[in-house]
Protein backbone atom coordinates (compact mmCIF):
# COMPACT_ATOMS: atom_id res chain seq x y z
CA UNK A 1 0.00 0.00 0.00
CA UNK A 2 1.53 3.29 -1.06
CA UNK A 3 0.63 6.82 -0.03
CA UNK A 4 -1.28 7.64 -3.22
CA UNK A 5 -3.58 4.67 -2.64
CA UNK A 6 -4.23 5.93 0.87
CA UNK A 7 -5.13 9.43 -0.32
CA UNK A 8 -7.13 8.11 -3.26
CA UNK A 9 -9.28 5.94 -0.92
CA UNK A 10 -10.33 3.58 -3.69
CA UNK A 11 -11.70 6.43 -5.82
CA UNK A 12 -14.02 7.51 -3.02
CA UNK A 13 -11.73 10.39 -2.09
CA UNK A 14 -14.21 12.92 -3.50
CA UNK A 15 -16.61 11.89 -0.71
CA UNK A 16 -14.20 10.98 2.10
CA UNK A 17 -11.96 14.06 2.25
CA UNK A 18 -14.80 16.62 2.30
CA UNK A 19 -16.48 14.54 5.02
CA UNK A 20 -13.25 14.68 7.06
CA UNK A 21 -13.02 18.42 6.46
CA UNK A 22 -16.61 19.09 7.48
CA UNK A 23 -16.20 16.93 10.58
CA UNK A 24 -13.03 18.75 11.65
CA UNK A 25 -14.68 22.11 11.00
CA UNK A 26 -17.68 21.20 13.17
CA UNK A 27 -15.43 19.85 15.93
CA UNK A 28 -13.52 23.14 15.81
CA UNK A 29 -16.74 25.12 16.20
CA UNK A 30 -17.82 22.89 19.11
CA UNK A 31 -14.44 23.30 20.80
CA UNK A 32 -14.47 27.08 20.38
CA UNK A 33 -18.03 27.28 21.71
CA UNK A 34 -17.23 25.11 24.72
CA UNK A 35 -14.12 27.15 25.57
CA UNK A 36 -16.06 30.41 25.23
CA UNK A 37 -18.83 29.11 27.51
CA UNK A 38 -16.25 27.96 30.04
CA UNK A 39 -14.62 31.39 30.03
CA UNK A 40 -17.97 33.18 30.39
CA UNK A 41 -19.09 30.89 33.22
CA UNK A 42 -15.81 31.39 35.06
CA UNK A 43 -16.21 35.16 34.64
CA UNK A 44 -19.78 35.04 36.02
CA UNK A 45 -18.68 32.96 39.02
CA UNK A 46 -15.90 35.42 39.84
CA UNK A 47 -18.32 38.35 39.57
CA UNK A 48 -20.84 36.57 41.79
CA UNK A 49 -18.23 35.81 44.43
CA UNK A 50 -16.99 39.40 44.41
CA UNK A 51 -20.51 40.75 44.92
CA UNK A 52 -21.26 38.36 47.78
CA UNK A 53 -18.05 38.71 49.76
CA UNK A 54 -18.51 39.16 53.46
C-alpha atoms as a PDB file:
ATOM      1  CA  UNK A   1       0.000   0.000   0.000  1.00  0.00           C
ATOM      2  CA  UNK A   2       1.531   3.285  -1.057  1.00  0.00           C
ATOM      3  CA  UNK A   3       0.632   6.817  -0.030  1.00  0.00           C
ATOM      4  CA  UNK A   4      -1.278   7.644  -3.224  1.00  0.00           C
ATOM      5  CA  UNK A   5      -3.582   4.670  -2.639  1.00  0.00           C
ATOM      6  CA  UNK A   6      -4.231   5.931   0.869  1.00  0.00           C
ATOM      7  CA  UNK A   7      -5.129   9.428  -0.318  1.00  0.00           C
ATOM      8  CA  UNK A   8      -7.134   8.110  -3.259  1.00  0.00           C
ATOM      9  CA  UNK A   9      -9.282   5.939  -0.923  1.00  0.00           C
ATOM     10  CA  UNK A  10     -10.332   3.583  -3.688  1.00  0.00           C
ATOM     11  CA  UNK A  11     -11.700   6.434  -5.817  1.00  0.00           C
ATOM     12  CA  UNK A  12     -14.020   7.507  -3.015  1.00  0.00           C
ATOM     13  CA  UNK A  13     -11.726  10.391  -2.087  1.00  0.00           C
ATOM     14  CA  UNK A  14     -14.209  12.920  -3.499  1.00  0.00           C
ATOM     15  CA  UNK A  15     -16.611  11.886  -0.714  1.00  0.00           C
ATOM     16  CA  UNK A  16     -14.203  10.978   2.099  1.00  0.00           C
ATOM     17  CA  UNK A  17     -11.958  14.059   2.253  1.00  0.00           C
ATOM     18  CA  UNK A  18     -14.797  16.615   2.301  1.00  0.00           C
ATOM     19  CA  UNK A  19     -16.481  14.543   5.020  1.00  0.00           C
ATOM     20  CA  UNK A  20     -13.253  14.683   7.059  1.00  0.00           C
ATOM     21  CA  UNK A  21     -13.020  18.421   6.460  1.00  0.00           C
ATOM     22  CA  UNK A  22     -16.611  19.090   7.484  1.00  0.00           C
ATOM     23  CA  UNK A  23     -16.204  16.929  10.583  1.00  0.00           C
ATOM     24  CA  UNK A  24     -13.026  18.746  11.653  1.00  0.00           C
ATOM     25  CA  UNK A  25     -14.684  22.107  11.003  1.00  0.00           C
ATOM     26  CA  UNK A  26     -17.681  21.197  13.168  1.00  0.00           C
ATOM     27  CA  UNK A  27     -15.432  19.846  15.930  1.00  0.00           C
ATOM     28  CA  UNK A  28     -13.519  23.135  15.806  1.00  0.00           C
ATOM     29  CA  UNK A  29     -16.737  25.115  16.201  1.00  0.00           C
ATOM     30  CA  UNK A  30     -17.821  22.893  19.109  1.00  0.00           C
ATOM     31  CA  UNK A  31     -14.443  23.298  20.803  1.00  0.00           C
ATOM     32  CA  UNK A  32     -14.472  27.076  20.378  1.00  0.00           C
ATOM     33  CA  UNK A  33     -18.033  27.275  21.706  1.00  0.00           C
ATOM     34  CA  UNK A  34     -17.230  25.108  24.720  1.00  0.00           C
ATOM     35  CA  UNK A  35     -14.123  27.146  25.568  1.00  0.00           C
ATOM     36  CA  UNK A  36     -16.064  30.413  25.234  1.00  0.00           C
ATOM     37  CA  UNK A  37     -18.833  29.112  27.507  1.00  0.00           C
ATOM     38  CA  UNK A  38     -16.248  27.961  30.043  1.00  0.00           C
ATOM     39  CA  UNK A  39     -14.619  31.392  30.033  1.00  0.00           C
ATOM     40  CA  UNK A  40     -17.965  33.183  30.395  1.00  0.00           C
ATOM     41  CA  UNK A  41     -19.088  30.888  33.219  1.00  0.00           C
ATOM     42  CA  UNK A  42     -15.814  31.391  35.060  1.00  0.00           C
ATOM     43  CA  UNK A  43     -16.207  35.160  34.644  1.00  0.00           C
ATOM     44  CA  UNK A  44     -19.778  35.035  36.021  1.00  0.00           C
ATOM     45  CA  UNK A  45     -18.679  32.956  39.025  1.00  0.00           C
ATOM     46  CA  UNK A  46     -15.896  35.418  39.840  1.00  0.00           C
ATOM     47  CA  UNK A  47     -18.324  38.355  39.570  1.00  0.00           C
ATOM     48  CA  UNK A  48     -20.843  36.566  41.793  1.00  0.00           C
ATOM     49  CA  UNK A  49     -18.230  35.811  44.433  1.00  0.00           C
ATOM     50  CA  UNK A  50     -16.988  39.402  44.406  1.00  0.00           C
ATOM     51  CA  UNK A  51     -20.510  40.748  44.919  1.00  0.00           C
ATOM     52  CA  UNK A  52     -21.262  38.364  47.778  1.00  0.00           C
ATOM     53  CA  UNK A  53     -18.050  38.714  49.755  1.00  0.00           C
ATOM     54  CA  UNK A  54     -18.514  39.157  53.461  1.00  0.00           C
END
